[in-house]
Amino acid sequence: MQHVFWLTTYFIINKISKNSFILRIVVY
């Protein structure tokens, strides 16, 4: 269930800050 939660959080963050490449790298 945590995996789904992380996926949703990642999707929301990606939608909110589309220009945040650093954040994406940190999450990955």
PDB file of N, CA and C in Angstrom:
ATOM      1  N   MET A   1       0.842  -1.206   0.000  1.00  0.00           N
ATOM      2  CA  MET A   1       0.000   0.000   0.000  1.00  0.00           C
ATOM      3  C   MET A   1       0.874   1.252   0.000  1.00  0.00           C
ATOM      4  N   GLN A   2       2.037   1.147   0.599  1.00  0.00           N
ATOM      5  CA  GLN A   2       2.924   2.312   0.640  1.00  0.00           C
ATOM      6  C   GLN A   2       3.402   2.669  -0.761  1.00  0.00           C
ATOM      7  N   HIS A   3       3.577   1.666  -1.595  1.00  0.00           N
ATOM      8  CA  HIS A   3       4.042   1.921  -2.956  1.00  0.00           C
ATOM      9  C   HIS A   3       3.035   2.785  -3.713  1.00  0.00           C
ATOM     10  N   VAL A   4       1.753   2.472  -3.547  1.00  0.00           N
ATOM     11  CA  VAL A   4       0.713   3.265  -4.212  1.00  0.00           C
ATOM     12  C   VAL A   4       0.726   4.691  -3.679  1.00  0.00           C
ATOM     13  N   PHE A   5       0.900   4.812  -2.362  1.00  0.00           N
ATOM     14  CA  PHE A   5       0.934   6.142  -1.750  1.00  0.00           C
ATOM     15  C   PHE A   5       2.078   6.966  -2.320  1.00  0.00           C
ATOM     16  N   TRP A   6       3.246   6.343  -2.460  1.00  0.00           N
ATOM     17  CA  TRP A   6       4.398   7.056  -3.012  1.00  0.00           C
ATOM     18  C   TRP A   6       4.152   7.437  -4.460  1.00  0.00           C
ATOM     19  N   LEU A   7       3.507   6.547  -5.199  1.00  0.00           N
ATOM     20  CA  LEU A   7       3.212   6.823  -6.607  1.00  0.00           C
ATOM     21  C   LEU A   7       2.280   8.018  -6.723  1.00  0.00           C
ATOM     22  N   THR A   8       1.254   8.049  -5.888  1.00  0.00           N
ATOM     23  CA  THR A   8       0.309   9.172  -5.916  1.00  0.00           C
ATOM     24  C   THR A   8       1.005  10.466  -5.516  1.00  0.00           C
ATOM     25  N   THR A   9       1.818  10.390  -4.465  1.00  0.00           N
ATOM     26  CA  THR A   9       2.535  11.588  -4.027  1.00  0.00           C
ATOM     27  C   THR A   9       3.446  12.103  -5.127  1.00  0.00           C
ATOM     28  N   TYR A  10       4.145  11.178  -5.790  1.00  0.00           N
ATOM     29  CA  TYR A  10       5.042  11.565  -6.872  1.00  0.00           C
ATOM     30  C   TYR A  10       4.269  12.224  -8.008  1.00  0.00           C
ATOM     31  N   PHE A  11       3.119  11.672  -8.322  1.00  0.00           N
ATOM     32  CA  PHE A  11       2.293  12.226  -9.397  1.00  0.00           C
ATOM     33  C   PHE A  11       1.820  13.629  -9.043  1.00  0.00           C
ATOM     34  N   ILE A  12       1.377  13.819  -7.804  1.00  0.00           N
ATOM     35  CA  ILE A  12       0.898  15.134  -7.367  1.00  0.00           C
ATOM     36  C   ILE A  12       2.032  16.146  -7.403  1.00  0.00           C
ATOM     37  N   ILE A  13       3.191  15.753  -6.882  1.00  0.00           N
ATOM     38  CA  ILE A  13       4.338  16.669  -6.868  1.00  0.00           C
ATOM     39  C   ILE A  13       4.727  17.039  -8.292  1.00  0.00           C
ATOM     40  N   ASN A  14       4.691  16.054  -9.174  1.00  0.00           N
ATOM     41  CA  ASN A  14       5.057  16.297 -10.561  1.00  0.00           C
ATOM     42  C   ASN A  14       4.076  17.262 -11.206  1.00  0.00           C
ATOM     43  N   LYS A  15       2.809  17.159 -10.855  1.00  0.00           N
ATOM     44  CA  LYS A  15       1.796  18.043 -11.432  1.00  0.00           C
ATOM     45  C   LYS A  15       1.932  19.452 -10.877  1.00  0.00           C
ATOM     46  N   ILE A  16       2.228  19.549  -9.574  1.00  0.00           N
ATOM     47  CA  ILE A  16       2.329  20.865  -8.946  1.00  0.00           C
ATOM     48  C   ILE A  16       3.576  21.588  -9.452  1.00  0.00           C
ATOM     49  N   SER A  17       4.704  20.909  -9.393  1.00  0.00           N
ATOM     50  CA  SER A  17       5.967  21.535  -9.817  1.00  0.00           C
ATOM     51  C   SER A  17       6.540  20.771 -11.003  1.00  0.00           C
ATOM     52  N   LYS A  18       6.127  21.176 -12.175  1.00  0.00           N
ATOM     53  CA  LYS A  18       6.579  20.487 -13.381  1.00  0.00           C
ATOM     54  C   LYS A  18       8.001  20.894 -13.738  1.00  0.00           C
ATOM     55  N   ASN A  19       8.421  22.044 -13.221  1.00  0.00           N
ATOM     56  CA  ASN A  19       9.747  22.544 -13.564  1.00  0.00           C
ATOM     57  C   ASN A  19      10.787  22.156 -12.521  1.00  0.00           C
ATOM     58  N   SER A  20      10.393  21.314 -11.572  1.00  0.00           N
ATOM     59  CA  SER A  20      11.332  20.926 -10.503  1.00  0.00           C
ATOM     60  C   SER A  20      12.070  19.660 -10.912  1.00  0.00           C
ATOM     61  N   PHE A  21      13.149  19.823 -11.622  1.00  0.00           N
ATOM     62  CA  PHE A  21      13.936  18.660 -12.046  1.00  0.00           C
ATOM     63  C   PHE A  21      14.748  18.107 -10.887  1.00  0.00           C
ATOM     64  N   ILE A  22      15.213  19.021 -10.023  1.00  0.00           N
ATOM     65  CA  ILE A  22      16.012  18.595  -8.871  1.00  0.00           C
ATOM     66  C   ILE A  22      15.164  17.716  -7.957  1.00  0.00           C
ATOM     67  N   LEU A  23      13.914  18.112  -7.743  1.00  0.00           N
ATOM     68  CA  LEU A  23      13.046  17.339  -6.863  1.00  0.00           C
ATOM     69  C   LEU A  23      12.853  15.938  -7.424  1.00  0.00           C
ATOM     70  N   ARG A  24      12.683  15.839  -8.724  1.00  0.00           N
ATOM     71  CA  ARG A  24      12.491  14.535  -9.355  1.00  0.00           C
ATOM     72  C   ARG A  24      13.720  13.647  -9.162  1.00  0.00           C
ATOM     73  N   ILE A  25      14.880  14.253  -9.278  1.00  0.00           N
ATOM     74  CA  ILE A  25      16.116  13.481  -9.097  1.00  0.00           C
ATOM     75  C   ILE A  25      16.220  13.002  -7.647  1.00  0.00           C
ATOM     76  N   VAL A  26      15.870  13.873  -6.711  1.00  0.00           N
ATOM     77  CA  VAL A  26      15.956  13.511  -5.292  1.00  0.00           C
ATOM     78  C   VAL A  26      14.974  12.375  -4.994  1.00  0.00           C
ATOM     79  N   VAL A  27      13.761  12.473  -5.549  1.00  0.00           N
ATOM     80  CA  VAL A  27      12.753  11.438  -5.291  1.00  0.00           C
ATOM     81  C   VAL A  27      13.221  10.112  -5.881  1.00  0.00           C
ATOM     82  N   TYR A  28      13.840  10.189  -7.061  1.00  0.00           N
ATOM     83  CA  TYR A  28      14.333   8.966  -7.676  1.00  0.00           C
ATOM     84  C   TYR A  28      15.612   8.541  -6.960  1.00  0.00           C
TER      85      TYR A  28
END
